[in-house]
Amino acid sequence: MHKLLQPPDWTQPKGYANGIAARGTLVFVGGQIGWNAQQQFETDDFIAQTAQTLRNVAAVLREAGAAPEHMVRMTWYIVDRVEYHARLAELGAVYREVMGRNFPAMTCVEVAALMEQRARIEIEVTAVVPDVT
């Protein structure tokens, strides 16, 4: 079970949580990027790469018996903050399509580059699968 940590006098965040408390099996998803299962990029478009990156995260979660609702933390590394802000509506739509309405504690950082030259985004996740009682 997860508990959202939202101080009562704070404005409700949109698309993420300020904090989450959880108990269970920890799942750590290493940085995923927007290439397919054969490690090939099919596009250089930021939104399309984000969709593929999120699908990759979901696939690794499934391997652990987890799902998007078990995510407690996400860190996004992006190479273009201006594009991120300009395309927020598209980004939100693709996020909800892949991850549903599951909004963990999130950090987003603009970086100069990622290890794979064509990568526009990299996402790492921590999830907690509740203990069976």
Protein backbone atom coordinates (compact mmCIF):
# COMPACT_ATOMS: atom_id res chain seq x y z
CA MET A 1 0.00 0.00 0.00
CA HIS A 2 1.20 3.50 -0.84
CA LYS A 3 0.43 6.68 1.04
CA LEU A 4 0.70 10.03 -0.73
CA LEU A 5 2.59 12.64 1.27
CA GLN A 6 0.86 15.96 0.69
CA PRO A 7 1.27 18.67 3.33
CA PRO A 8 -2.22 20.10 3.91
CA ASP A 9 -1.30 23.72 3.19
CA TRP A 10 0.52 22.97 -0.08
CA THR A 11 -1.01 23.36 -3.54
CA GLN A 12 -1.84 19.98 -5.08
CA PRO A 13 0.80 19.07 -7.70
CA LYS A 14 -0.23 18.21 -11.25
CA GLY A 15 1.15 15.02 -12.77
CA TYR A 16 3.32 13.95 -9.84
CA ALA A 17 3.31 13.48 -6.06
CA ASN A 18 5.38 15.47 -3.58
CA GLY A 19 6.17 12.25 -1.78
CA ILE A 20 5.04 8.67 -1.22
CA ALA A 21 5.46 6.31 1.72
CA ALA A 22 5.35 2.59 0.88
CA ARG A 23 6.13 -0.83 2.26
CA GLY A 24 6.90 -3.99 0.27
CA THR A 25 9.32 -5.38 -2.30
CA LEU A 26 11.51 -2.70 -3.85
CA VAL A 27 11.93 -2.69 -7.63
CA PHE A 28 14.61 -0.51 -9.21
CA VAL A 29 14.34 0.17 -12.93
CA GLY A 30 17.60 1.41 -14.41
CA GLY A 31 17.55 4.29 -16.87
CA GLN A 32 15.42 3.41 -19.88
CA ILE A 33 15.59 5.30 -23.17
CA GLY A 34 13.44 5.51 -26.28
CA TRP A 35 14.76 2.57 -28.24
CA ASN A 36 12.99 -0.73 -28.90
CA ALA A 37 13.74 -4.19 -27.48
CA GLN A 38 16.52 -4.63 -30.07
CA GLN A 39 18.15 -1.39 -28.88
CA GLN A 40 17.28 0.45 -32.09
CA PHE A 41 15.78 3.93 -32.29
CA GLU A 42 12.72 4.15 -34.52
CA THR A 43 12.39 7.94 -34.23
CA ASP A 44 14.13 11.08 -33.00
CA ASP A 45 10.83 12.71 -31.96
CA PHE A 46 10.74 13.58 -28.25
CA ILE A 47 7.15 12.46 -27.65
CA ALA A 48 7.55 9.19 -29.56
CA GLN A 49 10.78 8.45 -27.69
CA THR A 50 9.03 9.24 -24.41
CA ALA A 51 6.23 6.79 -25.25
CA GLN A 52 8.78 4.07 -26.04
CA THR A 53 10.76 4.88 -22.89
CA LEU A 54 7.61 4.54 -20.76
CA ARG A 55 6.74 1.24 -22.48
CA ASN A 56 10.26 0.04 -21.67
CA VAL A 57 9.81 1.02 -18.01
CA ALA A 58 6.46 -0.79 -17.90
CA ALA A 59 8.05 -3.93 -19.41
CA VAL A 60 10.78 -4.01 -16.75
CA LEU A 61 8.17 -3.46 -14.04
CA ARG A 62 6.17 -6.43 -15.36
CA GLU A 63 9.27 -8.63 -15.06
CA ALA A 64 9.20 -7.92 -11.31
CA GLY A 65 5.46 -8.55 -10.99
CA ALA A 66 4.93 -4.81 -10.70
CA ALA A 67 2.83 -2.32 -12.65
CA PRO A 68 2.65 1.47 -13.03
CA GLU A 69 0.51 1.76 -9.89
CA HIS A 70 3.49 0.47 -7.88
CA MET A 71 5.80 3.32 -8.95
CA VAL A 72 6.85 5.55 -6.08
CA ARG A 73 9.62 7.57 -7.75
CA MET A 74 10.58 8.60 -11.28
CA THR A 75 13.58 10.56 -12.45
CA TRP A 76 13.46 11.97 -15.97
CA TYR A 77 16.58 13.17 -17.75
CA ILE A 78 15.77 15.28 -20.81
CA VAL A 79 18.02 17.04 -23.30
CA ASP A 80 15.68 19.97 -24.10
CA ARG A 81 13.76 21.73 -21.34
CA VAL A 82 12.14 24.17 -23.79
CA GLU A 83 10.71 21.33 -25.88
CA TYR A 84 9.53 19.54 -22.70
CA HIS A 85 7.49 22.59 -21.66
CA ALA A 86 6.25 23.33 -25.19
CA ARG A 87 4.90 19.79 -25.58
CA LEU A 88 3.45 19.19 -22.10
CA ALA A 89 -0.06 18.44 -23.38
CA GLU A 90 1.26 15.74 -25.73
CA LEU A 91 3.57 14.46 -23.02
CA GLY A 92 0.71 14.17 -20.52
CA ALA A 93 -1.43 12.27 -23.03
CA VAL A 94 1.28 9.72 -23.86
CA TYR A 95 2.14 9.33 -20.16
CA ARG A 96 -1.50 8.55 -19.25
CA GLU A 97 -1.81 6.19 -22.24
CA VAL A 98 1.11 4.06 -21.03
CA MET A 99 1.17 4.60 -17.26
CA GLY A 100 -2.45 5.47 -16.54
CA ARG A 101 -3.21 7.94 -13.79
CA ASN A 102 -0.31 6.86 -11.59
CA PHE A 103 1.75 9.84 -10.53
CA PRO A 104 4.76 9.03 -8.32
CA ALA A 105 7.19 11.48 -6.76
CA MET A 106 9.05 12.81 -9.77
CA THR A 107 12.16 14.76 -10.65
CA CYS A 108 12.92 16.07 -14.13
CA VAL A 109 16.40 17.32 -15.00
CA GLU A 110 17.74 18.84 -18.19
CA VAL A 111 21.11 17.36 -19.13
CA ALA A 112 23.63 18.31 -21.79
CA ALA A 113 23.54 14.83 -23.33
CA LEU A 114 22.71 11.20 -22.65
CA MET A 115 25.01 8.23 -23.20
CA GLU A 116 23.21 7.15 -26.39
CA GLN A 117 23.62 9.98 -28.88
CA ARG A 118 20.08 9.75 -30.33
CA ALA A 119 18.36 9.50 -26.94
CA ARG A 120 16.17 12.51 -26.10
CA ILE A 121 14.98 11.20 -22.72
CA GLU A 122 16.00 8.69 -20.06
CA ILE A 123 13.77 7.60 -17.17
CA GLU A 124 14.58 5.61 -14.06
CA VAL A 125 11.94 4.33 -11.64
CA THR A 126 11.63 2.94 -8.16
CA ALA A 127 8.53 0.88 -7.45
CA VAL A 128 7.24 -0.89 -4.36
CA VAL A 129 5.10 -3.99 -4.68
CA PRO A 130 3.05 -4.31 -1.47
CA ASP A 131 3.63 -7.32 0.75
CA VAL A 132 0.91 -9.96 0.55
CA THR A 133 -0.90 -10.11 3.86
